[in-house]
Amino acid sequence: MLEGQPRSVLHRVLSFATEVGLPITLADIGLTELPKEVLQKIAVRATAENDTIHNEPFEVRPDRVADAIMAADAMGRAWKKDCSPQ
């Protein structure tokens, strides 16, 4: 999500992750609620100085990471809703 990949790429990742049983939502890793303060702490820690996240070809800021986490969770939840067996 942070890299702005096309939907087709994200769908391939979600398909693979689902197929092999990897988590695709925050709830899947036990985070049914994620207070904004906690999300911000996670994003700040993910963007610590000298972290490899800074190898991206664009500036990576905590606010962008927090937005990407929430967007990835929303996409994972939508995937589960749309692609789960009825």
PDB file of N, CA and C in Angstrom:
ATOM      1  N   MET A   1       0.830  -1.183   0.000  1.00  0.00           N
ATOM      2  CA  MET A   1       0.000   0.000   0.000  1.00  0.00           C
ATOM      3  C   MET A   1       0.881   1.256   0.000  1.00  0.00           C
ATOM      4  N   LEU A   2       1.929   1.219   0.761  1.00  0.00           N
ATOM      5  CA  LEU A   2       2.816   2.381   0.873  1.00  0.00           C
ATOM      6  C   LEU A   2       3.443   2.722  -0.472  1.00  0.00           C
ATOM      7  N   GLU A   3       3.713   1.697  -1.258  1.00  0.00           N
ATOM      8  CA  GLU A   3       4.379   1.910  -2.552  1.00  0.00           C
ATOM      9  C   GLU A   3       3.409   2.274  -3.665  1.00  0.00           C
ATOM     10  N   GLY A   4       2.117   2.182  -3.405  1.00  0.00           N
ATOM     11  CA  GLY A   4       1.147   2.541  -4.428  1.00  0.00           C
ATOM     12  C   GLY A   4       1.094   1.553  -5.586  1.00  0.00           C
ATOM     13  N   GLN A   5       1.252   0.283  -5.274  1.00  0.00           N
ATOM     14  CA  GLN A   5       1.212  -0.747  -6.315  1.00  0.00           C
ATOM     15  C   GLN A   5      -0.180  -0.831  -6.942  1.00  0.00           C
ATOM     16  N   PRO A   6      -0.251  -1.276  -8.198  1.00  0.00           N
ATOM     17  CA  PRO A   6      -1.556  -1.437  -8.844  1.00  0.00           C
ATOM     18  C   PRO A   6      -2.400  -2.486  -8.120  1.00  0.00           C
ATOM     19  N   ARG A   7      -3.699  -2.339  -8.234  1.00  0.00           N
ATOM     20  CA  ARG A   7      -4.643  -3.265  -7.596  1.00  0.00           C
ATOM     21  C   ARG A   7      -4.360  -4.712  -7.993  1.00  0.00           C
ATOM     22  N   SER A   8      -3.947  -4.938  -9.237  1.00  0.00           N
ATOM     23  CA  SER A   8      -3.670  -6.306  -9.690  1.00  0.00           C
ATOM     24  C   SER A   8      -2.543  -6.944  -8.878  1.00  0.00           C
ATOM     25  N   VAL A   9      -1.546  -6.174  -8.535  1.00  0.00           N
ATOM     26  CA  VAL A   9      -0.437  -6.675  -7.711  1.00  0.00           C
ATOM     27  C   VAL A   9      -0.932  -6.969  -6.299  1.00  0.00           C
ATOM     28  N   LEU A  10      -1.715  -6.056  -5.749  1.00  0.00           N
ATOM     29  CA  LEU A  10      -2.242  -6.254  -4.397  1.00  0.00           C
ATOM     30  C   LEU A  10      -3.136  -7.491  -4.343  1.00  0.00           C
ATOM     31  N   HIS A  11      -3.906  -7.717  -5.381  1.00  0.00           N
ATOM     32  CA  HIS A  11      -4.770  -8.904  -5.414  1.00  0.00           C
ATOM     33  C   HIS A  11      -3.950 -10.187  -5.481  1.00  0.00           C
ATOM     34  N   ARG A  12      -2.851 -10.157  -6.209  1.00  0.00           N
ATOM     35  CA  ARG A  12      -1.977 -11.348  -6.242  1.00  0.00           C
ATOM     36  C   ARG A  12      -1.401 -11.617  -4.856  1.00  0.00           C
ATOM     37  N   VAL A  13      -0.983 -10.575  -4.168  1.00  0.00           N
ATOM     38  CA  VAL A  13      -0.433 -10.733  -2.821  1.00  0.00           C
ATOM     39  C   VAL A  13      -1.507 -11.266  -1.875  1.00  0.00           C
ATOM     40  N   LEU A  14      -2.690 -10.694  -1.918  1.00  0.00           N
ATOM     41  CA  LEU A  14      -3.778 -11.146  -1.050  1.00  0.00           C
ATOM     42  C   LEU A  14      -4.176 -12.585  -1.363  1.00  0.00           C
ATOM     43  N   SER A  15      -4.205 -12.926  -2.617  1.00  0.00           N
ATOM     44  CA  SER A  15      -4.547 -14.293  -3.014  1.00  0.00           C
ATOM     45  C   SER A  15      -3.530 -15.278  -2.465  1.00  0.00           C
ATOM     46  N   PHE A  16      -2.251 -14.971  -2.640  1.00  0.00           N
ATOM     47  CA  PHE A  16      -1.191 -15.843  -2.139  1.00  0.00           C
ATOM     48  C   PHE A  16      -1.257 -15.954  -0.616  1.00  0.00           C
ATOM     49  N   ALA A  17      -1.359 -14.810   0.054  1.00  0.00           N
ATOM     50  CA  ALA A  17      -1.383 -14.811   1.519  1.00  0.00           C
ATOM     51  C   ALA A  17      -2.552 -15.633   2.043  1.00  0.00           C
ATOM     52  N   THR A  18      -3.693 -15.483   1.416  1.00  0.00           N
ATOM     53  CA  THR A  18      -4.874 -16.248   1.829  1.00  0.00           C
ATOM     54  C   THR A  18      -4.655 -17.738   1.595  1.00  0.00           C
ATOM     55  N   GLU A  19      -4.098 -18.053   0.448  1.00  0.00           N
ATOM     56  CA  GLU A  19      -3.876 -19.463   0.087  1.00  0.00           C
ATOM     57  C   GLU A  19      -2.963 -20.178   1.079  1.00  0.00           C
ATOM     58  N   VAL A  20      -1.942 -19.483   1.566  1.00  0.00           N
ATOM     59  CA  VAL A  20      -0.978 -20.123   2.475  1.00  0.00           C
ATOM     60  C   VAL A  20      -1.265 -19.836   3.948  1.00  0.00           C
ATOM     61  N   GLY A  21      -2.364 -19.121   4.215  1.00  0.00           N
ATOM     62  CA  GLY A  21      -2.777 -18.903   5.592  1.00  0.00           C
ATOM     63  C   GLY A  21      -2.098 -17.759   6.317  1.00  0.00           C
ATOM     64  N   LEU A  22      -1.569 -16.796   5.589  1.00  0.00           N
ATOM     65  CA  LEU A  22      -0.953 -15.631   6.232  1.00  0.00           C
ATOM     66  C   LEU A  22      -2.023 -14.617   6.618  1.00  0.00           C
ATOM     67  N   PRO A  23      -1.775 -13.828   7.646  1.00  0.00           N
ATOM     68  CA  PRO A  23      -2.753 -12.816   8.048  1.00  0.00           C
ATOM     69  C   PRO A  23      -2.847 -11.711   6.999  1.00  0.00           C
ATOM     70  N   ILE A  24      -4.064 -11.212   6.768  1.00  0.00           N
ATOM     71  CA  ILE A  24      -4.243 -10.116   5.814  1.00  0.00           C
ATOM     72  C   ILE A  24      -5.014  -8.941   6.422  1.00  0.00           C
ATOM     73  N   THR A  25      -5.353  -9.049   7.694  1.00  0.00           N
ATOM     74  CA  THR A  25      -6.019  -7.937   8.384  1.00  0.00           C
ATOM     75  C   THR A  25      -5.379  -7.760   9.753  1.00  0.00           C
ATOM     76  N   LEU A  26      -5.627  -6.624  10.348  1.00  0.00           N
ATOM     77  CA  LEU A  26      -5.130  -6.396  11.706  1.00  0.00           C
ATOM     78  C   LEU A  26      -5.770  -7.384  12.674  1.00  0.00           C
ATOM     79  N   ALA A  27      -7.048  -7.690  12.472  1.00  0.00           N
ATOM     80  CA  ALA A  27      -7.728  -8.653  13.349  1.00  0.00           C
ATOM     81  C   ALA A  27      -7.060 -10.023  13.274  1.00  0.00           C
ATOM     82  N   ASP A  28      -6.526 -10.365  12.107  1.00  0.00           N
ATOM     83  CA  ASP A  28      -5.846 -11.659  11.941  1.00  0.00           C
ATOM     84  C   ASP A  28      -4.612 -11.784  12.836  1.00  0.00           C
ATOM     85  N   ILE A  29      -4.062 -10.657  13.251  1.00  0.00           N
ATOM     86  CA  ILE A  29      -2.892 -10.695  14.145  1.00  0.00           C
ATOM     87  C   ILE A  29      -3.266 -10.262  15.560  1.00  0.00           C
ATOM     88  N   GLY A  30      -4.578 -10.302  15.844  1.00  0.00           N
ATOM     89  CA  GLY A  30      -5.050 -10.020  17.191  1.00  0.00           C
ATOM     90  C   GLY A  30      -5.327  -8.565  17.498  1.00  0.00           C
ATOM     91  N   LEU A  31      -5.297  -7.704  16.500  1.00  0.00           N
ATOM     92  CA  LEU A  31      -5.550  -6.283  16.727  1.00  0.00           C
ATOM     93  C   LEU A  31      -6.958  -5.928  16.248  1.00  0.00           C
ATOM     94  N   THR A  32      -7.941  -6.322  17.031  1.00  0.00           N
ATOM     95  CA  THR A  32      -9.318  -6.012  16.650  1.00  0.00           C
ATOM     96  C   THR A  32      -9.620  -4.530  16.836  1.00  0.00           C
ATOM     97  N   GLU A  33      -8.902  -3.906  17.735  1.00  0.00           N
ATOM     98  CA  GLU A  33      -8.988  -2.459  17.925  1.00  0.00           C
ATOM     99  C   GLU A  33      -7.577  -1.912  17.910  1.00  0.00           C
ATOM    100  N   LEU A  34      -7.374  -0.819  17.191  1.00  0.00           N
ATOM    101  CA  LEU A  34      -6.058  -0.200  17.129  1.00  0.00           C
ATOM    102  C   LEU A  34      -6.221   1.300  17.369  1.00  0.00           C
ATOM    103  N   PRO A  35      -6.072   1.707  18.640  1.00  0.00           N
ATOM    104  CA  PRO A  35      -6.196   3.134  18.946  1.00  0.00           C
ATOM    105  C   PRO A  35      -5.195   3.964  18.137  1.00  0.00           C
ATOM    106  N   LYS A  36      -5.611   5.161  17.785  1.00  0.00           N
ATOM    107  CA  LYS A  36      -4.778   6.041  16.967  1.00  0.00           C
ATOM    108  C   LYS A  36      -3.392   6.259  17.584  1.00  0.00           C
ATOM    109  N   GLU A  37      -3.333   6.365  18.915  1.00  0.00           N
ATOM    110  CA  GLU A  37      -2.029   6.584  19.570  1.00  0.00           C
ATOM    111  C   GLU A  37      -1.096   5.393  19.352  1.00  0.00           C
ATOM    112  N   VAL A  38      -1.654   4.199  19.412  1.00  0.00           N
ATOM    113  CA  VAL A  38      -0.844   2.989  19.218  1.00  0.00           C
ATOM    114  C   VAL A  38      -0.398   2.893  17.765  1.00  0.00           C
ATOM    115  N   LEU A  39      -1.313   3.178  16.838  1.00  0.00           N
ATOM    116  CA  LEU A  39      -0.961   3.172  15.414  1.00  0.00           C
ATOM    117  C   LEU A  39       0.175   4.149  15.155  1.00  0.00           C
ATOM    118  N   GLN A  40       0.097   5.312  15.755  1.00  0.00           N
ATOM    119  CA  GLN A  40       1.145   6.321  15.564  1.00  0.00           C
ATOM    120  C   GLN A  40       2.484   5.827  16.111  1.00  0.00           C
ATOM    121  N   LYS A  41       2.474   5.178  17.271  1.00  0.00           N
ATOM    122  CA  LYS A  41       3.720   4.639  17.830  1.00  0.00           C
ATOM    123  C   LYS A  41       4.313   3.578  16.912  1.00  0.00           C
ATOM    124  N   ILE A  42       3.463   2.729  16.353  1.00  0.00           N
ATOM    125  CA  ILE A  42       3.932   1.697  15.420  1.00  0.00           C
ATOM    126  C   ILE A  42       4.572   2.355  14.201  1.00  0.00           C
ATOM    127  N   ALA A  43       3.910   3.366  13.663  1.00  0.00           N
ATOM    128  CA  ALA A  43       4.423   4.041  12.470  1.00  0.00           C
ATOM    129  C   ALA A  43       5.738   4.759  12.742  1.00  0.00           C
ATOM    130  N   VAL A  44       5.844   5.376  13.898  1.00  0.00           N
ATOM    131  CA  VAL A  44       7.100   6.060  14.261  1.00  0.00           C
ATOM    132  C   VAL A  44       8.224   5.038  14.388  1.00  0.00           C
ATOM    133  N   ARG A  45       7.937   3.937  15.037  1.00  0.00           N
ATOM    134  CA  ARG A  45       8.964   2.902  15.205  1.00  0.00           C
ATOM    135  C   ARG A  45       9.374   2.289  13.858  1.00  0.00           C
ATOM    136  N   ALA A  46       8.399   2.121  12.952  1.00  0.00           N
ATOM    137  CA  ALA A  46       8.688   1.553  11.628  1.00  0.00           C
ATOM    138  C   ALA A  46       9.555   2.475  10.778  1.00  0.00           C
ATOM    139  N   THR A  47       9.551   3.753  11.120  1.00  0.00           N
ATOM    140  CA  THR A  47      10.323   4.721  10.341  1.00  0.00           C
ATOM    141  C   THR A  47      11.533   5.250  11.108  1.00  0.00           C
ATOM    142  N   ALA A  48      12.019   4.449  12.038  1.00  0.00           N
ATOM    143  CA  ALA A  48      13.183   4.864  12.828  1.00  0.00           C
ATOM    144  C   ALA A  48      14.367   5.170  11.906  1.00  0.00           C
ATOM    145  N   GLU A  49      15.170   6.096  12.343  1.00  0.00           N
ATOM    146  CA  GLU A  49      16.363   6.473  11.582  1.00  0.00           C
ATOM    147  C   GLU A  49      17.201   5.227  11.298  1.00  0.00           C
ATOM    148  N   ASN A  50      17.729   5.129  10.114  1.00  0.00           N
ATOM    149  CA  ASN A  50      18.565   4.015   9.642  1.00  0.00           C
ATOM    150  C   ASN A  50      17.794   2.724   9.408  1.00  0.00           C
ATOM    151  N   ASP A  51      16.468   2.738   9.501  1.00  0.00           N
ATOM    152  CA  ASP A  51      15.681   1.550   9.197  1.00  0.00           C
ATOM    153  C   ASP A  51      15.649   1.350   7.687  1.00  0.00           C
ATOM    154  N   THR A  52      15.537   0.112   7.258  1.00  0.00           N
ATOM    155  CA  THR A  52      15.546  -0.190   5.822  1.00  0.00           C
ATOM    156  C   THR A  52      14.340   0.378   5.081  1.00  0.00           C
ATOM    157  N   ILE A  53      13.299   0.771   5.792  1.00  0.00           N
ATOM    158  CA  ILE A  53      12.141   1.374   5.125  1.00  0.00           C
ATOM    159  C   ILE A  53      12.550   2.626   4.357  1.00  0.00           C
ATOM    160  N   HIS A  54      13.644   3.229   4.756  1.00  0.00           N
ATOM    161  CA  HIS A  54      14.125   4.446   4.093  1.00  0.00           C
ATOM    162  C   HIS A  54      14.863   4.149   2.786  1.00  0.00           C
ATOM    163  N   ASN A  55      14.906   2.876   2.381  1.00  0.00           N
ATOM    164  CA  ASN A  55      15.460   2.520   1.074  1.00  0.00           C
ATOM    165  C   ASN A  55      14.449   2.745  -0.042  1.00  0.00           C
ATOM    166  N   GLU A  56      13.226   3.083   0.312  1.00  0.00           N
ATOM    167  CA  GLU A  56      12.207   3.380  -0.695  1.00  0.00           C
ATOM    168  C   GLU A  56      12.643   4.610  -1.488  1.00  0.00           C
ATOM    169  N   PRO A  57      12.217   4.695  -2.742  1.00  0.00           N
ATOM    170  CA  PRO A  57      12.636   5.831  -3.579  1.00  0.00           C
ATOM    171  C   PRO A  57      11.814   7.100  -3.328  1.00  0.00           C
ATOM    172  N   PHE A  58      11.203   7.199  -2.158  1.00  0.00           N
ATOM    173  CA  PHE A  58      10.420   8.365  -1.782  1.00  0.00           C
ATOM    174  C   PHE A  58      10.561   8.547  -0.282  1.00  0.00           C
ATOM    175  N   GLU A  59      10.207   9.726   0.196  1.00  0.00           N
ATOM    176  CA  GLU A  59      10.280   9.995   1.631  1.00  0.00           C
ATOM    177  C   GLU A  59       9.222   9.172   2.361  1.00  0.00           C
ATOM    178  N   VAL A  60       9.655   8.442   3.371  1.00  0.00           N
ATOM    179  CA  VAL A  60       8.735   7.638   4.174  1.00  0.00           C
ATOM    180  C   VAL A  60       8.577   8.322   5.530  1.00  0.00           C
ATOM    181  N   ARG A  61       7.344   8.736   5.783  1.00  0.00           N
ATOM    182  CA  ARG A  61       7.037   9.430   7.039  1.00  0.00           C
ATOM    183  C   ARG A  61       6.047   8.593   7.842  1.00  0.00           C
ATOM    184  N   PRO A  62       6.046   8.765   9.152  1.00  0.00           N
ATOM    185  CA  PRO A  62       5.119   8.008   9.995  1.00  0.00           C
ATOM    186  C   PRO A  62       3.656   8.131   9.575  1.00  0.00           C
ATOM    187  N   ASP A  63       3.222   9.327   9.179  1.00  0.00           N
ATOM    188  CA  ASP A  63       1.820   9.492   8.788  1.00  0.00           C
ATOM    189  C   ASP A  63       1.478   8.660   7.557  1.00  0.00           C
ATOM    190  N   ARG A  64       2.420   8.556   6.619  1.00  0.00           N
ATOM    191  CA  ARG A  64       2.187   7.740   5.426  1.00  0.00           C
ATOM    192  C   ARG A  64       2.151   6.258   5.783  1.00  0.00           C
ATOM    193  N   VAL A  65       2.995   5.847   6.715  1.00  0.00           N
ATOM    194  CA  VAL A  65       3.001   4.444   7.146  1.00  0.00           C
ATOM    195  C   VAL A  65       1.693   4.117   7.858  1.00  0.00           C
ATOM    196  N   ALA A  66       1.235   4.995   8.726  1.00  0.00           N
ATOM    197  CA  ALA A  66      -0.034   4.767   9.428  1.00  0.00           C
ATOM    198  C   ALA A  66      -1.186   4.663   8.430  1.00  0.00           C
ATOM    199  N   ASP A  67      -1.201   5.554   7.449  1.00  0.00           N
ATOM    200  CA  ASP A  67      -2.248   5.500   6.422  1.00  0.00           C
ATOM    201  C   ASP A  67      -2.171   4.190   5.632  1.00  0.00           C
ATOM    202  N   ALA A  68      -0.962   3.748   5.324  1.00  0.00           N
ATOM    203  CA  ALA A  68      -0.790   2.504   4.567  1.00  0.00           C
ATOM    204  C   ALA A  68      -1.252   1.293   5.374  1.00  0.00           C
ATOM    205  N   ILE A  69      -0.987   1.302   6.666  1.00  0.00           N
ATOM    206  CA  ILE A  69      -1.436   0.198   7.531  1.00  0.00           C
ATOM    207  C   ILE A  69      -2.959   0.121   7.518  1.00  0.00           C
ATOM    208  N   MET A  70      -3.609   1.255   7.662  1.00  0.00           N
ATOM    209  CA  MET A  70      -5.066   1.261   7.691  1.00  0.00           C
ATOM    210  C   MET A  70      -5.655   0.903   6.328  1.00  0.00           C
ATOM    211  N   ALA A  71      -5.025   1.356   5.261  1.00  0.00           N
ATOM    212  CA  ALA A  71      -5.495   1.017   3.918  1.00  0.00           C
ATOM    213  C   ALA A  71      -5.320  -0.476   3.643  1.00  0.00           C
ATOM    214  N   ALA A  72      -4.207  -1.037   4.092  1.00  0.00           N
ATOM    215  CA  ALA A  72      -3.980  -2.472   3.909  1.00  0.00           C
ATOM    216  C   ALA A  72      -5.004  -3.282   4.694  1.00  0.00           C
ATOM    217  N   ASP A  73      -5.322  -2.845   5.892  1.00  0.00           N
ATOM    218  CA  ASP A  73      -6.333  -3.535   6.686  1.00  0.00           C
ATOM    219  C   ASP A  73      -7.692  -3.472   5.996  1.00  0.00           C
ATOM    220  N   ALA A  74      -8.050  -2.302   5.492  1.00  0.00           N
ATOM    221  CA  ALA A  74      -9.332  -2.156   4.794  1.00  0.00           C
ATOM    222  C   ALA A  74      -9.380  -3.046   3.565  1.00  0.00           C
ATOM    223  N   MET A  75      -8.297  -3.105   2.827  1.00  0.00           N
ATOM    224  CA  MET A  75      -8.267  -3.951   1.634  1.00  0.00           C
ATOM    225  C   MET A  75      -8.358  -5.418   2.024  1.00  0.00           C
ATOM    226  N   GLY A  76      -7.671  -5.822   3.074  1.00  0.00           N
ATOM    227  CA  GLY A  76      -7.744  -7.204   3.544  1.00  0.00           C
ATOM    228  C   GLY A  76      -9.139  -7.581   3.987  1.00  0.00           C
ATOM    229  N   ARG A  77      -9.812  -6.663   4.688  1.00  0.00           N
ATOM    230  CA  ARG A  77     -11.185  -6.937   5.129  1.00  0.00           C
ATOM    231  C   ARG A  77     -12.129  -7.050   3.933  1.00  0.00           C
ATOM    232  N   ALA A  78     -11.955  -6.169   2.951  1.00  0.00           N
ATOM    233  CA  ALA A  78     -12.790  -6.229   1.749  1.00  0.00           C
ATOM    234  C   ALA A  78     -12.531  -7.523   0.985  1.00  0.00           C
ATOM    235  N   TRP A  79     -11.270  -7.925   0.915  1.00  0.00           N
ATOM    236  CA  TRP A  79     -10.906  -9.174   0.234  1.00  0.00           C
ATOM    237  C   TRP A  79     -11.608 -10.355   0.886  1.00  0.00           C
ATOM    238  N   LYS A  80     -11.552 -10.391   2.204  1.00  0.00           N
ATOM    239  CA  LYS A  80     -12.212 -11.493   2.921  1.00  0.00           C
ATOM    240  C   LYS A  80     -13.709 -11.503   2.655  1.00  0.00           C
ATOM    241  N   LYS A  81     -14.319 -10.345   2.643  1.00  0.00           N
ATOM    242  CA  LYS A  81     -15.755 -10.239   2.425  1.00  0.00           C
ATOM    243  C   LYS A  81     -16.120 -10.672   1.013  1.00  0.00           C
ATOM    244  N   ASP A  82     -15.359 -10.233   0.026  1.00  0.00           N
ATOM    245  CA  ASP A  82     -15.672 -10.489  -1.377  1.00  0.00           C
ATOM    246  C   ASP A  82     -15.222 -11.864  -1.864  1.00  0.00           C
ATOM    247  N   CYS A  83     -14.190 -12.414  -1.241  1.00  0.00           N
ATOM    248  CA  CYS A  83     -13.582 -13.628  -1.782  1.00  0.00           C
ATOM    249  C   CYS A  83     -13.764 -14.858  -0.886  1.00  0.00           C
ATOM    250  N   SER A  84     -14.425 -14.697   0.237  1.00  0.00           N
ATOM    251  CA  SER A  84     -14.589 -15.855   1.108  1.00  0.00           C
ATOM    252  C   SER A  84     -15.711 -16.745   0.573  1.00  0.00           C
ATOM    253  N   PRO A  85     -15.580 -18.062   0.780  1.00  0.00           N
ATOM    254  CA  PRO A  85     -16.631 -18.966   0.319  1.00  0.00           C
ATOM    255  C   PRO A  85     -17.958 -18.646   0.997  1.00  0.00           C
ATOM    256  N   GLN A  86     -19.016 -18.676   0.257  1.00  0.00           N
ATOM    257  CA  GLN A  86     -20.348 -18.354   0.795  1.00  0.00           C
ATOM    258  C   GLN A  86     -20.967 -19.544   1.444  1.00  0.00           C
TER     259      GLN A  86
END
